[in-house]
Amino acid sequence: MKDLLILLDNRPGALAEMGEALGEAGVSVEGGGMWVVDGKGVAHFLFQDGAAARRALESAGIKVVDERDVVVQRLQTRDSRPVRKAHAPHGRGRRQHRGAIQ
């Protein structure tokens, strides 16, 4: 599983354009989210095939800033419903993105 850090324009339709590029390439999004940081759209999305996702996005003119391995681990809630948690693989450490994204 790969986590891609993606920069999008902070404008209506930018996220839809990302989805169209991925859909045309047959790449599924496994999870993620998007935020606005310093006026820019900053997204983290998870993909089974990070290389295919990166190719699809970059060919559509969408900037991929970083690609990281993640491990998805099933957890149990108190009422026994499964939940999923993604984190950095053991030994790789955790990185947080803070401040302006260039």
N, C-alpha and C. Protein backbone atom coordinates (compact mmCIF):
# COMPACT_ATOMS: atom_id res chain seq x y z
N MET A 1 0.85 -1.17 0.00
CA MET A 1 0.00 0.00 0.00
C MET A 1 0.90 1.23 0.00
N LYS A 2 0.54 2.21 -0.80
CA LYS A 2 1.31 3.45 -0.90
C LYS A 2 0.43 4.64 -0.54
N ASP A 3 1.03 5.59 0.17
CA ASP A 3 0.40 6.88 0.48
C ASP A 3 1.07 7.91 -0.41
N LEU A 4 0.29 8.60 -1.25
CA LEU A 4 0.82 9.66 -2.09
C LEU A 4 0.42 11.00 -1.51
N LEU A 5 1.40 11.91 -1.41
CA LEU A 5 1.15 13.29 -1.04
C LEU A 5 0.98 14.06 -2.35
N ILE A 6 -0.20 14.63 -2.55
CA ILE A 6 -0.58 15.23 -3.82
C ILE A 6 -0.95 16.69 -3.59
N LEU A 7 -0.47 17.57 -4.46
CA LEU A 7 -0.86 18.97 -4.42
C LEU A 7 -1.90 19.24 -5.49
N LEU A 8 -3.00 19.85 -5.09
CA LEU A 8 -4.08 20.20 -6.01
C LEU A 8 -4.35 21.69 -5.91
N ASP A 9 -4.87 22.26 -6.99
CA ASP A 9 -5.29 23.65 -6.94
C ASP A 9 -6.45 23.78 -5.96
N ASN A 10 -6.51 24.87 -5.21
CA ASN A 10 -7.61 25.13 -4.29
C ASN A 10 -8.72 25.83 -5.08
N ARG A 11 -9.45 25.01 -5.86
CA ARG A 11 -10.54 25.54 -6.69
C ARG A 11 -11.56 24.44 -6.93
N PRO A 12 -12.80 24.83 -7.21
CA PRO A 12 -13.82 23.83 -7.50
C PRO A 12 -13.41 22.97 -8.70
N GLY A 13 -13.59 21.68 -8.58
CA GLY A 13 -13.31 20.75 -9.67
C GLY A 13 -11.95 20.10 -9.63
N ALA A 14 -11.03 20.61 -8.81
CA ALA A 14 -9.67 20.04 -8.79
C ALA A 14 -9.68 18.59 -8.30
N LEU A 15 -10.45 18.29 -7.26
CA LEU A 15 -10.53 16.93 -6.75
C LEU A 15 -11.21 16.02 -7.77
N ALA A 16 -12.22 16.53 -8.45
CA ALA A 16 -12.91 15.74 -9.48
C ALA A 16 -11.95 15.41 -10.63
N GLU A 17 -11.10 16.36 -11.00
CA GLU A 17 -10.12 16.10 -12.07
C GLU A 17 -9.15 15.00 -11.65
N MET A 18 -8.76 15.00 -10.38
CA MET A 18 -7.90 13.94 -9.88
C MET A 18 -8.60 12.59 -10.00
N GLY A 19 -9.87 12.54 -9.59
CA GLY A 19 -10.64 11.31 -9.68
C GLY A 19 -10.81 10.83 -11.11
N GLU A 20 -11.03 11.76 -12.03
CA GLU A 20 -11.17 11.39 -13.44
C GLU A 20 -9.88 10.80 -13.99
N ALA A 21 -8.74 11.41 -13.66
CA ALA A 21 -7.45 10.90 -14.14
C ALA A 21 -7.21 9.49 -13.62
N LEU A 22 -7.51 9.26 -12.35
CA LEU A 22 -7.33 7.93 -11.77
C LEU A 22 -8.30 6.93 -12.37
N GLY A 23 -9.56 7.34 -12.53
CA GLY A 23 -10.56 6.45 -13.09
C GLY A 23 -10.25 6.03 -14.51
N GLU A 24 -9.79 6.97 -15.33
CA GLU A 24 -9.42 6.65 -16.71
C GLU A 24 -8.27 5.65 -16.78
N ALA A 25 -7.40 5.68 -15.76
CA ALA A 25 -6.27 4.76 -15.71
C ALA A 25 -6.63 3.45 -15.00
N GLY A 26 -7.84 3.35 -14.48
CA GLY A 26 -8.26 2.14 -13.78
C GLY A 26 -7.64 1.99 -12.41
N VAL A 27 -7.28 3.11 -11.77
CA VAL A 27 -6.65 3.09 -10.45
C VAL A 27 -7.68 3.43 -9.39
N SER A 28 -7.79 2.58 -8.37
CA SER A 28 -8.75 2.80 -7.28
C SER A 28 -8.08 3.48 -6.10
N VAL A 29 -8.82 4.38 -5.45
CA VAL A 29 -8.39 5.02 -4.22
C VAL A 29 -8.85 4.14 -3.06
N GLU A 30 -7.93 3.79 -2.18
CA GLU A 30 -8.26 2.94 -1.03
C GLU A 30 -8.69 3.75 0.18
N GLY A 31 -8.29 5.01 0.24
CA GLY A 31 -8.66 5.87 1.36
C GLY A 31 -7.86 7.16 1.30
N GLY A 32 -8.17 8.08 2.18
CA GLY A 32 -7.40 9.31 2.23
C GLY A 32 -8.25 10.52 2.54
N GLY A 33 -7.68 11.69 2.29
CA GLY A 33 -8.39 12.93 2.55
C GLY A 33 -7.62 14.10 1.98
N MET A 34 -8.28 15.27 2.05
CA MET A 34 -7.69 16.48 1.48
C MET A 34 -7.96 17.66 2.39
N TRP A 35 -7.00 18.58 2.46
CA TRP A 35 -7.10 19.76 3.29
C TRP A 35 -6.55 20.95 2.52
N VAL A 36 -6.87 22.14 2.97
CA VAL A 36 -6.27 23.34 2.42
C VAL A 36 -5.23 23.83 3.42
N VAL A 37 -3.99 23.98 2.95
CA VAL A 37 -2.87 24.44 3.77
C VAL A 37 -2.22 25.60 3.04
N ASP A 38 -2.18 26.75 3.68
CA ASP A 38 -1.58 27.95 3.07
C ASP A 38 -2.15 28.22 1.68
N GLY A 39 -3.45 28.00 1.53
CA GLY A 39 -4.12 28.31 0.27
C GLY A 39 -3.96 27.27 -0.83
N LYS A 40 -3.30 26.14 -0.52
CA LYS A 40 -3.10 25.08 -1.50
C LYS A 40 -3.84 23.82 -1.08
N GLY A 41 -4.33 23.06 -2.03
CA GLY A 41 -4.96 21.78 -1.75
C GLY A 41 -3.89 20.73 -1.50
N VAL A 42 -3.88 20.15 -0.32
CA VAL A 42 -2.92 19.12 0.06
C VAL A 42 -3.70 17.84 0.34
N ALA A 43 -3.36 16.78 -0.37
CA ALA A 43 -4.10 15.53 -0.24
C ALA A 43 -3.16 14.38 0.09
N HIS A 44 -3.66 13.45 0.89
CA HIS A 44 -3.00 12.17 1.12
C HIS A 44 -4.01 11.10 0.73
N PHE A 45 -3.65 10.27 -0.24
CA PHE A 45 -4.52 9.18 -0.65
C PHE A 45 -3.72 7.89 -0.70
N LEU A 46 -4.40 6.78 -0.37
CA LEU A 46 -3.78 5.46 -0.34
C LEU A 46 -4.15 4.69 -1.61
N PHE A 47 -3.15 3.98 -2.16
CA PHE A 47 -3.33 3.20 -3.38
C PHE A 47 -2.61 1.87 -3.25
N GLN A 48 -3.21 0.81 -3.79
CA GLN A 48 -2.52 -0.47 -3.86
C GLN A 48 -1.33 -0.37 -4.80
N ASP A 49 -1.51 0.31 -5.93
CA ASP A 49 -0.45 0.46 -6.93
C ASP A 49 -0.06 1.93 -7.01
N GLY A 50 0.88 2.32 -6.16
CA GLY A 50 1.31 3.71 -6.09
C GLY A 50 1.94 4.20 -7.38
N ALA A 51 2.67 3.33 -8.07
CA ALA A 51 3.33 3.73 -9.32
C ALA A 51 2.30 4.06 -10.40
N ALA A 52 1.26 3.25 -10.51
CA ALA A 52 0.20 3.51 -11.50
C ALA A 52 -0.54 4.80 -11.16
N ALA A 53 -0.79 5.02 -9.87
CA ALA A 53 -1.47 6.25 -9.45
C ALA A 53 -0.62 7.46 -9.77
N ARG A 54 0.67 7.38 -9.47
CA ARG A 54 1.58 8.50 -9.75
C ARG A 54 1.62 8.79 -11.25
N ARG A 55 1.74 7.77 -12.09
CA ARG A 55 1.76 7.97 -13.54
C ARG A 55 0.48 8.64 -14.02
N ALA A 56 -0.66 8.17 -13.54
CA ALA A 56 -1.95 8.73 -13.97
C ALA A 56 -2.07 10.20 -13.56
N LEU A 57 -1.68 10.50 -12.34
CA LEU A 57 -1.79 11.87 -11.84
C LEU A 57 -0.82 12.80 -12.57
N GLU A 58 0.42 12.39 -12.67
CA GLU A 58 1.41 13.25 -13.31
C GLU A 58 1.13 13.46 -14.80
N SER A 59 0.56 12.45 -15.46
CA SER A 59 0.23 12.62 -16.88
C SER A 59 -0.94 13.59 -17.05
N ALA A 60 -1.72 13.79 -15.98
CA ALA A 60 -2.82 14.76 -16.01
C ALA A 60 -2.37 16.13 -15.50
N GLY A 61 -1.07 16.29 -15.24
CA GLY A 61 -0.55 17.57 -14.76
C GLY A 61 -0.73 17.80 -13.29
N ILE A 62 -1.00 16.75 -12.52
CA ILE A 62 -1.20 16.86 -11.07
C ILE A 62 0.10 16.50 -10.38
N LYS A 63 0.53 17.34 -9.46
CA LYS A 63 1.84 17.20 -8.82
C LYS A 63 1.78 16.21 -7.64
N VAL A 64 2.61 15.16 -7.72
CA VAL A 64 2.79 14.22 -6.63
C VAL A 64 4.11 14.58 -5.95
N VAL A 65 4.04 14.94 -4.67
CA VAL A 65 5.20 15.44 -3.94
C VAL A 65 5.98 14.32 -3.25
N ASP A 66 5.27 13.30 -2.77
CA ASP A 66 5.94 12.26 -2.00
C ASP A 66 5.15 10.96 -2.11
N GLU A 67 5.86 9.85 -1.95
CA GLU A 67 5.24 8.52 -1.96
C GLU A 67 5.85 7.74 -0.82
N ARG A 68 4.98 7.16 0.03
CA ARG A 68 5.46 6.43 1.20
C ARG A 68 4.76 5.08 1.31
N ASP A 69 5.49 4.10 1.81
CA ASP A 69 4.90 2.82 2.13
C ASP A 69 4.06 2.97 3.40
N VAL A 70 2.94 2.31 3.43
CA VAL A 70 2.13 2.25 4.64
C VAL A 70 1.68 0.82 4.88
N VAL A 71 1.38 0.52 6.10
CA VAL A 71 0.82 -0.76 6.47
C VAL A 71 -0.60 -0.51 6.94
N VAL A 72 -1.55 -1.26 6.40
CA VAL A 72 -2.94 -1.14 6.84
C VAL A 72 -3.21 -2.31 7.78
N GLN A 73 -3.68 -1.96 8.97
CA GLN A 73 -3.87 -2.95 10.01
C GLN A 73 -5.32 -2.91 10.48
N ARG A 74 -5.97 -4.06 10.51
CA ARG A 74 -7.34 -4.14 11.02
C ARG A 74 -7.32 -4.11 12.54
N LEU A 75 -8.17 -3.27 13.11
CA LEU A 75 -8.33 -3.17 14.56
C LEU A 75 -9.77 -3.49 14.91
N GLN A 76 -10.03 -3.77 16.15
CA GLN A 76 -11.39 -4.03 16.61
C GLN A 76 -11.83 -2.90 17.55
N THR A 77 -13.07 -2.44 17.36
CA THR A 77 -13.63 -1.48 18.30
C THR A 77 -14.20 -2.25 19.48
N ARG A 78 -14.66 -1.54 20.48
CA ARG A 78 -15.22 -2.21 21.66
C ARG A 78 -16.47 -3.03 21.33
N ASP A 79 -17.20 -2.62 20.29
CA ASP A 79 -18.39 -3.39 19.93
C ASP A 79 -18.08 -4.40 18.82
N SER A 80 -16.80 -4.74 18.62
CA SER A 80 -16.33 -5.77 17.69
C SER A 80 -16.44 -5.41 16.22
N ARG A 81 -16.74 -4.15 15.88
CA ARG A 81 -16.72 -3.76 14.47
C ARG A 81 -15.27 -3.55 14.04
N PRO A 82 -14.89 -4.06 12.86
CA PRO A 82 -13.51 -3.83 12.40
C PRO A 82 -13.30 -2.39 11.96
N VAL A 83 -12.13 -1.87 12.21
CA VAL A 83 -11.72 -0.56 11.72
C VAL A 83 -10.34 -0.73 11.08
N ARG A 84 -9.93 0.24 10.26
CA ARG A 84 -8.62 0.16 9.62
C ARG A 84 -7.77 1.34 10.04
N LYS A 85 -6.50 1.09 10.18
CA LYS A 85 -5.55 2.12 10.57
C LYS A 85 -4.33 2.00 9.66
N ALA A 86 -3.87 3.13 9.12
CA ALA A 86 -2.67 3.12 8.28
C ALA A 86 -1.54 3.81 9.03
N HIS A 87 -0.34 3.25 8.93
CA HIS A 87 0.82 3.86 9.58
C HIS A 87 2.08 3.50 8.81
N ALA A 88 3.16 4.14 9.16
CA ALA A 88 4.45 3.85 8.53
C ALA A 88 4.90 2.45 8.92
N PRO A 89 5.55 1.71 8.01
CA PRO A 89 6.05 0.38 8.35
C PRO A 89 7.04 0.44 9.50
N HIS A 90 7.12 -0.64 10.25
CA HIS A 90 8.02 -0.73 11.40
C HIS A 90 9.45 -0.41 10.97
N GLY A 91 10.11 0.43 11.76
CA GLY A 91 11.50 0.75 11.50
C GLY A 91 11.70 1.94 10.57
N ARG A 92 10.64 2.42 9.94
CA ARG A 92 10.79 3.53 9.01
C ARG A 92 10.53 4.87 9.68
N GLY A 93 9.95 4.86 10.88
CA GLY A 93 9.65 6.11 11.57
C GLY A 93 8.40 6.76 11.01
N ARG A 94 7.95 7.78 11.67
CA ARG A 94 6.76 8.52 11.24
C ARG A 94 7.17 9.93 10.89
N ARG A 95 6.60 10.44 9.81
CA ARG A 95 6.87 11.82 9.41
C ARG A 95 5.56 12.57 9.38
N GLN A 96 5.61 13.80 9.82
CA GLN A 96 4.44 14.66 9.73
C GLN A 96 4.78 15.85 8.88
N HIS A 97 3.84 16.27 8.07
CA HIS A 97 4.05 17.45 7.23
C HIS A 97 3.46 18.65 7.97
N ARG A 98 4.29 19.64 8.23
CA ARG A 98 3.84 20.84 8.92
C ARG A 98 4.31 22.05 8.15
N GLY A 99 3.56 23.12 8.27
CA GLY A 99 3.97 24.37 7.64
C GLY A 99 3.63 24.38 6.16
N ALA A 100 4.26 25.28 5.44
CA ALA A 100 3.96 25.47 4.02
C ALA A 100 4.45 24.30 3.19
N ILE A 101 3.69 23.94 2.21
CA ILE A 101 4.07 22.93 1.23
C ILE A 101 4.52 23.66 -0.02
N GLN A 102 5.70 23.38 -0.48
CA GLN A 102 6.22 24.07 -1.67
C GLN A 102 5.87 23.32 -2.92
